N, C-alpha and C. Protein backbone atom coordinates (compact mmCIF):
# COMPACT_ATOMS: atom_id res chain seq x y z
N UNK A 1 9.04 42.42 18.74
CA UNK A 1 8.92 41.00 18.53
C UNK A 1 8.83 40.76 17.02
N UNK A 2 9.67 39.86 16.54
CA UNK A 2 9.66 39.57 15.11
C UNK A 2 8.58 38.54 14.78
N UNK A 3 8.32 38.40 13.51
CA UNK A 3 7.29 37.46 13.07
C UNK A 3 7.69 36.02 13.39
N UNK A 4 8.99 35.71 13.30
CA UNK A 4 9.45 34.35 13.58
C UNK A 4 9.19 33.97 15.04
N UNK A 5 9.45 34.89 15.95
CA UNK A 5 9.21 34.61 17.37
C UNK A 5 7.72 34.46 17.64
N UNK A 6 6.91 35.28 16.99
CA UNK A 6 5.46 35.20 17.17
C UNK A 6 4.93 33.86 16.67
N UNK A 7 5.41 33.42 15.50
CA UNK A 7 4.96 32.13 14.95
C UNK A 7 5.42 31.00 15.85
N UNK A 8 6.66 31.06 16.32
CA UNK A 8 7.18 30.02 17.21
C UNK A 8 6.36 29.95 18.50
N UNK A 9 6.04 31.09 19.07
CA UNK A 9 5.24 31.12 20.30
C UNK A 9 3.84 30.56 20.06
N UNK A 10 3.24 30.89 18.92
CA UNK A 10 1.91 30.38 18.61
C UNK A 10 1.93 28.86 18.45
N UNK A 11 2.96 28.34 17.78
CA UNK A 11 3.07 26.89 17.61
C UNK A 11 3.29 26.19 18.95
N UNK A 12 4.05 26.80 19.85
CA UNK A 12 4.26 26.22 21.18
C UNK A 12 2.95 26.18 21.96
N UNK A 13 2.17 27.27 21.88
CA UNK A 13 0.88 27.30 22.57
C UNK A 13 -0.07 26.25 21.99
N UNK A 14 -0.07 26.10 20.68
CA UNK A 14 -0.91 25.07 20.05
C UNK A 14 -0.47 23.68 20.50
N UNK A 15 0.85 23.45 20.58
CA UNK A 15 1.37 22.16 21.04
C UNK A 15 0.96 21.86 22.47
N UNK A 16 1.04 22.85 23.33
CA UNK A 16 0.64 22.67 24.74
C UNK A 16 -0.86 22.38 24.81
N UNK A 17 -1.63 23.10 24.00
CA UNK A 17 -3.08 22.86 23.98
C UNK A 17 -3.41 21.45 23.51
N UNK A 18 -2.72 20.98 22.47
CA UNK A 18 -2.95 19.61 22.00
C UNK A 18 -2.53 18.56 23.02
N UNK A 19 -1.46 18.83 23.74
CA UNK A 19 -1.01 17.92 24.79
C UNK A 19 -2.06 17.81 25.90
N UNK A 20 -2.59 18.94 26.32
CA UNK A 20 -3.63 18.93 27.36
C UNK A 20 -4.88 18.22 26.84
N UNK A 21 -5.28 18.50 25.60
CA UNK A 21 -6.45 17.84 25.03
C UNK A 21 -6.23 16.32 24.98
N UNK A 22 -5.01 15.90 24.61
CA UNK A 22 -4.70 14.48 24.55
C UNK A 22 -4.79 13.80 25.90
N UNK A 23 -4.38 14.50 26.94
CA UNK A 23 -4.48 13.93 28.29
C UNK A 23 -5.93 13.82 28.74
N UNK A 24 -6.75 14.79 28.37
CA UNK A 24 -8.15 14.77 28.79
C UNK A 24 -9.00 13.79 27.98
N UNK A 25 -8.66 13.59 26.72
CA UNK A 25 -9.43 12.73 25.82
C UNK A 25 -8.56 11.58 25.33
N UNK A 26 -8.02 10.82 26.26
CA UNK A 26 -7.05 9.79 25.93
C UNK A 26 -7.65 8.68 25.05
N UNK A 27 -8.87 8.27 25.33
CA UNK A 27 -9.49 7.19 24.56
C UNK A 27 -9.72 7.60 23.10
N UNK A 28 -10.14 8.83 22.88
CA UNK A 28 -10.33 9.31 21.51
C UNK A 28 -9.00 9.37 20.78
N UNK A 29 -7.96 9.80 21.48
CA UNK A 29 -6.64 9.90 20.87
C UNK A 29 -6.11 8.52 20.50
N UNK A 30 -6.30 7.54 21.37
CA UNK A 30 -5.85 6.17 21.08
C UNK A 30 -6.61 5.60 19.88
N UNK A 31 -7.92 5.84 19.82
CA UNK A 31 -8.71 5.36 18.68
C UNK A 31 -8.23 6.01 17.38
N UNK A 32 -7.92 7.29 17.43
CA UNK A 32 -7.41 7.99 16.25
C UNK A 32 -6.06 7.43 15.82
N UNK A 33 -5.17 7.17 16.79
CA UNK A 33 -3.86 6.61 16.47
C UNK A 33 -4.00 5.24 15.81
N UNK A 34 -4.90 4.42 16.33
CA UNK A 34 -5.10 3.09 15.76
C UNK A 34 -5.67 3.18 14.35
N UNK A 35 -6.56 4.14 14.12
CA UNK A 35 -7.13 4.33 12.80
C UNK A 35 -6.06 4.75 11.80
N UNK A 36 -5.22 5.70 12.20
CA UNK A 36 -4.13 6.15 11.32
C UNK A 36 -3.17 5.00 11.05
N UNK A 37 -2.85 4.20 12.07
CA UNK A 37 -1.94 3.07 11.89
C UNK A 37 -2.51 2.07 10.90
N UNK A 38 -3.81 1.76 11.01
CA UNK A 38 -4.43 0.84 10.07
C UNK A 38 -4.40 1.37 8.65
N UNK A 39 -4.67 2.66 8.48
CA UNK A 39 -4.65 3.26 7.14
C UNK A 39 -3.25 3.16 6.54
N UNK A 40 -2.24 3.49 7.33
CA UNK A 40 -0.87 3.41 6.84
C UNK A 40 -0.48 1.98 6.52
N UNK A 41 -0.85 1.02 7.37
CA UNK A 41 -0.51 -0.38 7.17
C UNK A 41 -1.16 -0.93 5.91
N UNK A 42 -2.44 -0.63 5.71
CA UNK A 42 -3.16 -1.13 4.54
C UNK A 42 -2.57 -0.53 3.27
N UNK A 43 -2.28 0.76 3.28
CA UNK A 43 -1.71 1.38 2.09
C UNK A 43 -0.32 0.84 1.80
N UNK A 44 0.48 0.56 2.83
CA UNK A 44 1.81 -0.01 2.61
C UNK A 44 1.70 -1.40 2.01
N UNK A 45 0.78 -2.21 2.52
CA UNK A 45 0.58 -3.55 1.97
C UNK A 45 0.11 -3.47 0.51
N UNK A 46 -0.79 -2.52 0.23
CA UNK A 46 -1.28 -2.35 -1.13
C UNK A 46 -0.14 -1.92 -2.06
N UNK A 47 0.72 -1.04 -1.57
CA UNK A 47 1.87 -0.59 -2.35
C UNK A 47 2.80 -1.76 -2.65
N UNK A 48 3.07 -2.60 -1.66
CA UNK A 48 3.94 -3.76 -1.86
C UNK A 48 3.32 -4.73 -2.87
N UNK A 49 2.00 -4.94 -2.79
CA UNK A 49 1.32 -5.85 -3.70
C UNK A 49 1.39 -5.32 -5.13
N UNK A 50 1.19 -4.01 -5.32
CA UNK A 50 1.28 -3.43 -6.66
C UNK A 50 2.70 -3.57 -7.21
N UNK A 51 3.69 -3.39 -6.35
CA UNK A 51 5.08 -3.51 -6.76
C UNK A 51 5.37 -4.94 -7.22
N UNK A 52 4.91 -5.93 -6.45
CA UNK A 52 5.12 -7.33 -6.83
C UNK A 52 4.42 -7.65 -8.14
N UNK A 53 3.20 -7.14 -8.31
CA UNK A 53 2.44 -7.41 -9.54
C UNK A 53 3.15 -6.79 -10.75
N UNK A 54 3.66 -5.57 -10.60
CA UNK A 54 4.37 -4.92 -11.70
C UNK A 54 5.63 -5.71 -12.05
N UNK A 55 6.31 -6.23 -11.05
CA UNK A 55 7.52 -7.03 -11.31
C UNK A 55 7.16 -8.31 -12.04
N UNK A 56 6.05 -8.95 -11.64
CA UNK A 56 5.62 -10.17 -12.32
C UNK A 56 5.25 -9.87 -13.77
N UNK A 57 4.57 -8.75 -13.99
CA UNK A 57 4.19 -8.38 -15.36
C UNK A 57 5.42 -8.13 -16.21
N UNK A 58 6.42 -7.51 -15.62
CA UNK A 58 7.64 -7.21 -16.36
C UNK A 58 8.38 -8.50 -16.73
N UNK A 59 8.37 -9.47 -15.85
CA UNK A 59 9.12 -10.71 -16.08
C UNK A 59 8.34 -11.75 -16.87
N UNK A 60 7.09 -11.47 -17.18
CA UNK A 60 6.26 -12.43 -17.88
C UNK A 60 6.77 -12.63 -19.31
N UNK A 61 6.75 -13.88 -19.77
CA UNK A 61 7.22 -14.18 -21.13
C UNK A 61 6.23 -13.66 -22.16
N UNK A 62 6.75 -13.28 -23.32
CA UNK A 62 5.90 -12.82 -24.41
C UNK A 62 5.39 -14.03 -25.18
N UNK A 63 4.14 -13.95 -25.65
CA UNK A 63 3.58 -15.02 -26.45
C UNK A 63 3.86 -14.75 -27.92
N UNK A 64 4.10 -15.82 -28.66
CA UNK A 64 4.35 -15.70 -30.10
C UNK A 64 2.98 -15.72 -30.79
N UNK A 65 2.75 -14.75 -31.65
CA UNK A 65 1.48 -14.65 -32.35
C UNK A 65 1.73 -14.92 -33.83
N UNK A 66 0.89 -15.78 -34.44
CA UNK A 66 1.07 -16.04 -35.87
C UNK A 66 0.50 -14.88 -36.69
N UNK A 67 0.64 -14.91 -37.99
CA UNK A 67 0.26 -13.80 -38.86
C UNK A 67 -1.21 -13.43 -38.83
N UNK A 68 -2.09 -14.37 -38.48
CA UNK A 68 -3.53 -14.09 -38.50
C UNK A 68 -3.98 -13.34 -37.25
N UNK A 69 -3.09 -13.18 -36.28
CA UNK A 69 -3.44 -12.43 -35.08
C UNK A 69 -4.00 -13.29 -33.96
N UNK A 70 -3.98 -14.63 -34.15
CA UNK A 70 -4.46 -15.50 -33.10
C UNK A 70 -3.28 -16.12 -32.37
N UNK A 71 -3.53 -16.48 -31.15
CA UNK A 71 -2.48 -17.11 -30.34
C UNK A 71 -2.46 -18.59 -30.65
N UNK A 72 -1.30 -19.19 -30.90
CA UNK A 72 -1.24 -20.62 -31.20
C UNK A 72 -1.66 -21.45 -29.98
N UNK A 73 -2.13 -22.65 -30.26
CA UNK A 73 -2.56 -23.55 -29.20
C UNK A 73 -1.36 -23.95 -28.35
N UNK A 74 -1.58 -24.14 -27.05
CA UNK A 74 -0.47 -24.54 -26.20
C UNK A 74 0.00 -25.95 -26.54
N UNK A 75 1.25 -26.24 -26.24
CA UNK A 75 1.82 -27.56 -26.51
C UNK A 75 1.22 -28.59 -25.56
N UNK A 76 0.95 -29.78 -26.12
CA UNK A 76 0.40 -30.84 -25.28
C UNK A 76 1.52 -31.52 -24.53
N UNK A 77 1.21 -31.97 -23.33
CA UNK A 77 2.21 -32.66 -22.53
C UNK A 77 2.45 -34.06 -23.10
N UNK A 78 3.69 -34.49 -23.05
CA UNK A 78 4.04 -35.79 -23.62
C UNK A 78 3.78 -36.93 -22.65
N UNK A 79 3.79 -36.67 -21.36
CA UNK A 79 3.59 -37.76 -20.41
C UNK A 79 2.09 -37.90 -20.12
N UNK A 80 1.69 -39.14 -19.79
CA UNK A 80 0.29 -39.40 -19.51
C UNK A 80 0.01 -39.14 -18.04
N UNK A 81 -1.23 -38.78 -17.72
CA UNK A 81 -1.56 -38.53 -16.31
C UNK A 81 -1.53 -39.82 -15.50
N UNK A 82 -1.29 -39.68 -14.21
CA UNK A 82 -1.19 -40.85 -13.35
C UNK A 82 -2.55 -41.41 -12.99
N UNK A 83 -3.60 -40.67 -13.19
CA UNK A 83 -4.93 -41.15 -12.88
C UNK A 83 -5.82 -41.01 -14.12
N UNK A 84 -6.82 -41.86 -14.22
CA UNK A 84 -7.74 -41.82 -15.34
C UNK A 84 -9.15 -41.67 -14.80
N UNK A 85 -9.87 -40.71 -15.35
CA UNK A 85 -11.22 -40.47 -14.86
C UNK A 85 -12.23 -41.26 -15.63
């Protein structure tokens, strides 16, 4: 018997053992599957959020800085507000 056949047989026996364990402990297996699904879902959402944030940072306009190192005041709007406090 070669090492490859021995390893293959061992993996098959482990697979059969896990299948039997899964049938006997179905509730634990379902809870584990749901936990793994939540972890994957949260990490995928976090990955998407980081990607969107990086894209926003890349597309953000650069501010013009004067020689003294301070940021100039923003431009005032020319139109008056519709309500007065």
